[in-house]
Amino acid sequence: MKTAIFIAATALSANVAFAEAHQDRTDWPESFTVATASQGGTYFAYGSGWANLVAKELGITGGGEVTGGPGQNMALVHTGDAQFGMTTMGPAAEAIRGESPIAPGLAMTNACAMFPMYQTPFSVTALASSGITSVSEIPDGARIGFGPAGSTSDTYFPLMMDTLGVKYERRNGGWTDLGSQLQDGLLDVIAFAAGVPVPAVSQLEVQTDVNIIEFTEEEQQKIMDAYPVAPFDIAASTYTTLEKDARSVSMWNFAIANCDLPESFVNAVVDIVMSDNERMMNIHKASRSTLPENWDKNRGVIAWHPGAAKWFIENAGADIPADQIHSK
């Protein structure tokens, strides 16, 4: 069941200068939701944060919505049940091809790219008391929490573990719940695919000793050869547990908008998020990659919303081909 969490904002709290710069509000919605993921994960913190920021600046009601993650978000935005959402490139490509496990056969082509978010690193966490310090040390039959069913983590991490020869029992749930299960000894490992720092991992560090497990160079290469991911290092400064950068792989995330939303509305939202990175960094550290120049990380996977494309062409010198911009 979806749980809607709204952060109300009134017109009095809107930024006057911004409002004056965007007078044409023809057909704008009276409120909006941003489809995120489970509580305790980066999507929820990041998505609720920018929803609050946009609501405040535009003077309309908006907020984050708890969901099952990228796959479900594509469906919610495609149908218009959510105006905005967040997705990862792998699940997005599957959904657009009609291969999403959420709705097999439905080509979700009415979800448009809005702005680049950040890279999602894939990382493994275990309690220090488990003695697990590497992927190869994960015992056969280990109970591994892969996140919410249908999420990026749940879609790709089991496949990666299969590729690396790990034999496991698959468990699903929200990140906060899985973190509690790990701490209580009900899980052996959590395989995270989320922007860093992952709130659930940061909370675990406060409460107990954990091992954040990196891939070996060989393991990293095997995964990159098999899946649409790139090399990534989790900086040592991300978690107090890390003494050095941790080798990982990652997949890019993009914010998405229902393609039928007014061009001026989406343009205004993109302007708020992309024009002041310091404000976004105050929402979540993963926003260090929420930068205009990263528009090119959408390599023709998701058609651009016209309002978003207009912003990046005018403000970031983006060279977005016309056939990659959604048209009705």
Protein backbone atom coordinates (compact mmCIF):
# COMPACT_ATOMS: atom_id res chain seq x y z
CA MET A 1 0.00 0.00 0.00
CA LYS A 2 1.30 3.41 -0.87
CA THR A 3 1.67 5.91 1.94
CA ALA A 4 1.49 9.54 0.93
CA ILE A 5 3.51 12.00 2.95
CA PHE A 6 2.80 15.57 1.99
CA ILE A 7 4.70 18.68 2.96
CA ALA A 8 2.33 21.61 2.57
CA ALA A 9 3.45 25.04 1.49
CA THR A 10 1.36 28.15 1.02
CA ALA A 11 1.65 30.88 -1.57
CA LEU A 12 2.87 33.22 1.17
CA SER A 13 6.02 31.13 1.54
CA ALA A 14 6.84 31.19 -2.16
CA ASN A 15 9.88 33.02 -3.35
CA VAL A 16 8.45 36.24 -4.80
CA ALA A 17 11.22 36.79 -7.32
CA PHE A 18 10.89 33.26 -8.64
CA ALA A 19 7.11 33.50 -8.87
CA GLU A 20 7.34 36.75 -10.82
CA ALA A 21 9.72 35.10 -13.26
CA HIS A 22 7.21 32.33 -13.95
CA GLN A 23 3.86 34.07 -14.36
CA ASP A 24 2.36 31.66 -16.86
CA ARG A 25 0.77 28.96 -14.68
CA THR A 26 -1.79 27.84 -17.23
CA ASP A 27 -2.90 24.27 -16.52
CA TRP A 28 -0.47 23.86 -13.62
CA PRO A 29 -1.61 21.25 -11.06
CA GLU A 30 -2.79 22.48 -7.66
CA SER A 31 -0.59 19.93 -5.93
CA PHE A 32 1.98 17.27 -6.78
CA THR A 33 3.59 14.11 -5.44
CA VAL A 34 7.09 12.76 -5.94
CA ALA A 35 7.22 8.95 -6.02
CA THR A 36 10.30 7.93 -3.98
CA ALA A 37 10.91 4.53 -2.29
CA SER A 38 10.91 3.08 1.21
CA GLN A 39 11.65 5.10 4.32
CA GLY A 40 15.25 4.76 5.49
CA GLY A 41 16.60 4.83 1.92
CA THR A 42 18.20 7.64 -0.05
CA TYR A 43 15.31 7.99 -2.51
CA PHE A 44 12.87 8.89 0.26
CA ALA A 45 15.18 11.43 1.91
CA TYR A 46 16.29 12.99 -1.39
CA GLY A 47 12.84 12.96 -3.01
CA SER A 48 10.92 14.31 -0.05
CA GLY A 49 13.58 17.00 0.26
CA TRP A 50 13.31 18.35 -3.26
CA ALA A 51 9.52 18.02 -3.15
CA ASN A 52 9.51 20.26 -0.08
CA LEU A 53 11.87 22.73 -1.76
CA VAL A 54 9.75 22.95 -4.92
CA ALA A 55 6.51 23.24 -2.95
CA LYS A 56 7.95 26.11 -0.92
CA GLU A 57 9.36 27.97 -3.90
CA LEU A 58 6.28 27.59 -6.10
CA GLY A 59 3.75 28.08 -3.32
CA ILE A 60 1.79 24.90 -4.00
CA THR A 61 1.25 21.72 -2.00
CA GLY A 62 3.64 18.87 -2.67
CA GLY A 63 5.46 16.03 -1.00
CA GLY A 64 7.17 12.69 -1.22
CA GLU A 65 5.29 9.41 -1.52
CA VAL A 66 6.54 6.10 -0.14
CA THR A 67 6.68 3.52 -2.96
CA GLY A 68 8.38 0.32 -3.98
CA GLY A 69 11.14 2.22 -5.79
CA PRO A 70 12.23 2.88 -9.40
CA GLY A 71 10.10 0.27 -11.16
CA GLN A 72 6.88 1.28 -9.44
CA ASN A 73 7.79 4.95 -9.85
CA MET A 74 7.95 4.53 -13.62
CA ALA A 75 4.43 3.06 -13.54
CA LEU A 76 3.03 5.75 -11.23
CA VAL A 77 4.45 8.59 -13.31
CA HIS A 78 3.49 6.95 -16.62
CA THR A 79 -0.16 6.69 -15.54
CA GLY A 80 -0.19 10.13 -13.90
CA ASP A 81 -0.91 8.75 -10.43
CA ALA A 82 2.23 10.67 -9.43
CA GLN A 83 3.34 13.83 -11.19
CA PHE A 84 7.02 13.22 -10.50
CA GLY A 85 9.22 10.33 -9.50
CA MET A 86 12.75 9.01 -9.45
CA THR A 87 14.18 6.04 -11.30
CA THR A 88 17.40 4.27 -12.13
CA MET A 89 18.48 3.79 -15.73
CA GLY A 90 18.35 -0.02 -15.70
CA PRO A 91 14.74 -0.34 -14.48
CA ALA A 92 13.75 2.65 -16.63
CA ALA A 93 15.01 0.98 -19.81
CA GLU A 94 13.13 -2.20 -18.92
CA ALA A 95 9.91 -0.27 -18.24
CA ILE A 96 10.11 1.66 -21.51
CA ARG A 97 10.58 -1.60 -23.42
CA GLY A 98 7.53 -3.05 -21.68
CA GLU A 99 9.65 -5.53 -19.72
CA SER A 100 9.05 -4.22 -16.20
CA PRO A 101 8.00 -6.90 -13.70
CA ILE A 102 5.56 -4.33 -12.32
CA ALA A 103 3.46 -4.39 -15.51
CA PRO A 104 4.79 -6.81 -18.15
CA GLY A 105 3.87 -5.76 -21.67
CA LEU A 106 3.15 -2.12 -20.77
CA ALA A 107 5.60 0.23 -22.50
CA MET A 108 5.89 3.09 -20.00
CA THR A 109 6.67 5.81 -22.52
CA ASN A 110 4.71 8.58 -20.77
CA ALA A 111 7.37 9.02 -18.09
CA CYS A 112 9.86 11.68 -19.23
CA ALA A 113 13.36 12.59 -18.07
CA MET A 114 13.52 15.70 -15.91
CA PHE A 115 16.99 16.07 -14.32
CA PRO A 116 20.05 13.98 -13.33
CA MET A 117 20.18 13.00 -9.68
CA TYR A 118 23.18 10.92 -8.68
CA GLN A 119 24.84 7.57 -9.12
CA THR A 120 23.54 4.61 -7.15
CA PRO A 121 26.45 2.57 -5.80
CA PHE A 122 25.94 -1.11 -5.04
CA SER A 123 27.43 -2.05 -1.69
CA VAL A 124 27.29 -4.87 0.83
CA THR A 125 26.94 -4.42 4.59
CA ALA A 126 27.22 -6.99 7.39
CA LEU A 127 27.63 -6.82 11.14
CA ALA A 128 31.27 -6.82 12.20
CA SER A 129 30.43 -9.69 14.57
CA SER A 130 29.57 -11.88 11.54
CA GLY A 131 33.22 -11.99 10.49
CA ILE A 132 32.18 -11.35 6.87
CA THR A 133 34.74 -8.98 5.33
CA SER A 134 34.48 -9.87 1.64
CA VAL A 135 31.89 -11.15 -0.85
CA SER A 136 33.72 -14.47 -1.05
CA GLU A 137 33.23 -14.92 2.70
CA ILE A 138 29.44 -14.76 2.49
CA PRO A 139 28.41 -18.30 3.52
CA ASP A 140 26.18 -20.51 1.40
CA GLY A 141 22.54 -19.97 2.32
CA ALA A 142 23.17 -16.53 3.81
CA ARG A 143 20.00 -14.51 4.36
CA ILE A 144 20.48 -11.41 2.23
CA GLY A 145 18.14 -8.40 2.29
CA PHE A 146 17.90 -6.90 -1.20
CA GLY A 147 15.54 -4.01 -0.48
CA PRO A 148 11.91 -3.52 -1.55
CA ALA A 149 10.59 -6.00 -4.11
CA GLY A 150 10.99 -4.59 -7.63
CA SER A 151 13.52 -1.95 -6.58
CA THR A 152 16.80 -1.40 -8.43
CA SER A 153 18.60 -3.26 -5.67
CA ASP A 154 16.17 -6.18 -5.77
CA THR A 155 16.30 -6.31 -9.57
CA TYR A 156 20.07 -6.24 -10.08
CA PHE A 157 21.85 -7.21 -6.87
CA PRO A 158 20.62 -10.84 -6.83
CA LEU A 159 21.84 -11.19 -10.43
CA MET A 160 25.21 -9.73 -9.43
CA MET A 161 25.46 -12.13 -6.51
CA ASP A 162 24.63 -15.00 -8.87
CA THR A 163 27.42 -13.84 -11.18
CA LEU A 164 29.84 -13.82 -8.26
CA GLY A 165 28.81 -17.33 -7.20
CA VAL A 166 27.08 -16.37 -3.96
CA LYS A 167 24.32 -18.77 -2.83
CA TYR A 168 21.72 -17.07 -0.66
CA GLU A 169 18.20 -16.86 0.70
CA ARG A 170 16.49 -13.82 -0.78
CA ARG A 171 14.69 -11.40 1.56
CA ASN A 172 12.84 -8.17 0.77
CA GLY A 173 11.68 -5.15 2.74
CA GLY A 174 12.22 -1.46 3.33
CA TRP A 175 15.74 -0.37 4.19
CA THR A 176 14.90 0.68 7.74
CA ASP A 177 13.25 -2.67 8.42
CA LEU A 178 16.12 -4.62 6.85
CA GLY A 179 18.61 -2.66 8.93
CA SER A 180 16.73 -3.64 12.07
CA GLN A 181 16.62 -7.28 10.95
CA LEU A 182 20.39 -7.26 10.36
CA GLN A 183 20.98 -5.83 13.80
CA ASP A 184 18.65 -8.42 15.37
CA GLY A 185 20.42 -11.32 13.65
CA LEU A 186 17.52 -12.13 11.32
CA LEU A 187 19.66 -11.30 8.26
CA ASP A 188 23.31 -12.02 7.55
CA VAL A 189 23.92 -9.37 4.90
CA ILE A 190 22.19 -6.39 3.32
CA ALA A 191 22.93 -5.66 -0.32
CA PHE A 192 22.29 -1.95 -0.81
CA ALA A 193 21.73 -0.13 -4.06
CA ALA A 194 21.14 3.45 -2.96
CA GLY A 195 22.76 6.85 -3.03
CA VAL A 196 25.37 7.31 -0.34
CA PRO A 197 25.34 7.80 2.52
CA VAL A 198 22.44 5.37 2.90
CA PRO A 199 20.48 6.58 5.96
CA ALA A 200 19.93 3.01 7.20
CA VAL A 201 23.69 2.31 7.11
CA SER A 202 24.50 5.57 8.88
CA GLN A 203 22.00 4.61 11.58
CA LEU A 204 23.51 1.14 11.92
CA GLU A 205 26.94 2.67 12.41
CA VAL A 206 25.64 4.63 15.37
CA GLN A 207 24.10 1.56 16.99
CA THR A 208 26.61 -1.21 16.29
CA ASP A 209 29.84 -2.16 14.48
CA VAL A 210 29.43 -2.97 10.80
CA ASN A 211 31.58 -4.03 7.86
CA ILE A 212 31.01 -2.18 4.60
CA ILE A 213 32.29 -4.68 2.06
CA GLU A 214 33.89 -3.63 -1.19
CA PHE A 215 34.25 -5.63 -4.39
CA THR A 216 37.63 -6.90 -5.47
CA GLU A 217 38.91 -5.66 -8.83
CA GLU A 218 38.02 -9.03 -10.37
CA GLU A 219 34.51 -8.98 -8.91
CA GLN A 220 33.98 -5.41 -10.08
CA GLN A 221 35.03 -6.29 -13.64
CA LYS A 222 32.76 -9.36 -13.75
CA ILE A 223 29.77 -7.23 -12.78
CA MET A 224 30.60 -4.47 -15.27
CA ASP A 225 30.92 -7.04 -18.04
CA ALA A 226 27.45 -8.39 -17.30
CA TYR A 227 25.31 -5.36 -16.32
CA PRO A 228 24.75 -1.65 -17.24
CA VAL A 229 26.94 -0.27 -14.45
CA ALA A 230 30.11 1.78 -14.17
CA PRO A 231 33.03 1.73 -11.70
CA PHE A 232 32.50 3.78 -8.55
CA ASP A 233 34.40 4.39 -5.34
CA ILE A 234 32.50 5.03 -2.11
CA ALA A 235 34.58 7.76 -0.50
CA ALA A 236 36.07 6.98 2.90
CA SER A 237 34.44 10.14 4.24
CA THR A 238 30.97 8.73 3.48
CA TYR A 239 30.84 6.49 6.55
CA THR A 240 32.73 6.49 9.84
CA THR A 241 33.35 2.75 9.36
CA LEU A 242 35.41 3.22 6.19
CA GLU A 243 39.13 3.80 6.55
CA LYS A 244 39.69 4.06 2.78
CA ASP A 245 37.62 4.37 -0.38
CA ALA A 246 35.57 1.25 -1.10
CA ARG A 247 35.49 -0.21 -4.61
CA SER A 248 31.97 -0.50 -6.01
CA VAL A 249 29.86 -0.16 -9.16
CA SER A 250 27.03 2.28 -9.80
CA MET A 251 24.04 3.12 -11.97
CA TRP A 252 22.70 6.63 -12.71
CA ASN A 253 19.39 7.91 -11.35
CA PHE A 254 17.12 10.48 -12.99
CA ALA A 255 14.09 12.40 -11.82
CA ILE A 256 11.11 11.82 -14.09
CA ALA A 257 7.90 13.71 -14.85
CA ASN A 258 4.63 12.70 -16.39
CA CYS A 259 5.03 13.71 -20.03
CA ASP A 260 1.62 15.45 -20.09
CA LEU A 261 2.57 18.03 -17.44
CA PRO A 262 2.72 21.64 -18.72
CA GLU A 263 6.09 22.62 -20.16
CA SER A 264 6.28 25.78 -18.02
CA PHE A 265 5.61 23.83 -14.82
CA VAL A 266 8.35 21.25 -15.40
CA ASN A 267 10.73 23.99 -16.53
CA ALA A 268 10.10 25.86 -13.27
CA VAL A 269 10.68 22.74 -11.18
CA VAL A 270 13.95 21.94 -12.97
CA ASP A 271 15.09 25.53 -12.50
CA ILE A 272 14.56 25.33 -8.74
CA VAL A 273 16.44 22.04 -8.36
CA MET A 274 19.30 22.69 -10.78
CA SER A 275 20.03 26.38 -10.21
CA ASP A 276 21.30 26.14 -6.62
CA ASN A 277 23.26 22.99 -5.78
CA GLU A 278 24.04 24.20 -2.27
CA ARG A 279 20.36 23.98 -1.37
CA MET A 280 20.22 20.45 -2.76
CA MET A 281 23.36 19.49 -0.82
CA ASN A 282 21.56 20.58 2.34
CA ILE A 283 18.88 18.02 1.47
CA HIS A 284 21.24 15.09 0.83
CA LYS A 285 24.96 14.70 0.17
CA ALA A 286 24.23 12.57 -2.90
CA SER A 287 23.19 15.87 -4.54
CA ARG A 288 26.87 16.57 -5.18
CA SER A 289 26.15 14.97 -8.56
CA THR A 290 22.87 16.81 -9.18
CA LEU A 291 24.60 19.17 -11.58
CA PRO A 292 23.56 20.61 -14.98
CA GLU A 293 26.53 19.07 -16.79
CA ASN A 294 25.31 15.59 -15.93
CA TRP A 295 22.36 15.91 -18.31
CA ASP A 296 24.32 13.68 -20.68
CA LYS A 297 24.05 10.68 -18.34
CA ASN A 298 20.65 10.08 -19.92
CA ARG A 299 22.05 8.42 -23.02
CA GLY A 300 18.83 8.24 -24.99
CA VAL A 301 17.22 5.91 -22.45
CA ILE A 302 14.33 8.17 -21.37
CA ALA A 303 12.72 10.77 -23.65
CA TRP A 304 13.12 14.27 -22.22
CA HIS A 305 10.16 16.30 -21.06
CA PRO A 306 10.07 19.43 -23.32
CA GLY A 307 10.19 21.74 -20.30
CA ALA A 308 13.27 20.01 -18.92
CA ALA A 309 15.00 19.84 -22.30
CA LYS A 310 14.41 23.57 -22.74
CA TRP A 311 16.11 24.30 -19.40
CA PHE A 312 19.20 22.20 -20.12
CA ILE A 313 19.56 23.52 -23.66
CA GLU A 314 19.34 27.12 -22.47
CA ASN A 315 21.32 26.84 -19.23
CA ALA A 316 23.72 23.93 -19.66
CA GLY A 317 24.43 24.05 -23.38
CA ALA A 318 22.88 20.61 -23.71
CA ASP A 319 22.87 19.08 -27.17
CA ILE A 320 19.64 17.09 -26.92
CA PRO A 321 18.47 15.74 -30.29
CA ALA A 322 14.88 16.56 -31.20
CA ASP A 323 14.03 12.88 -31.48
CA GLN A 324 14.97 12.43 -27.81
CA ILE A 325 12.45 15.06 -26.65
CA HIS A 326 8.91 13.85 -26.02
CA SER A 327 6.28 15.12 -28.43
CA LYS A 328 2.54 14.50 -28.31
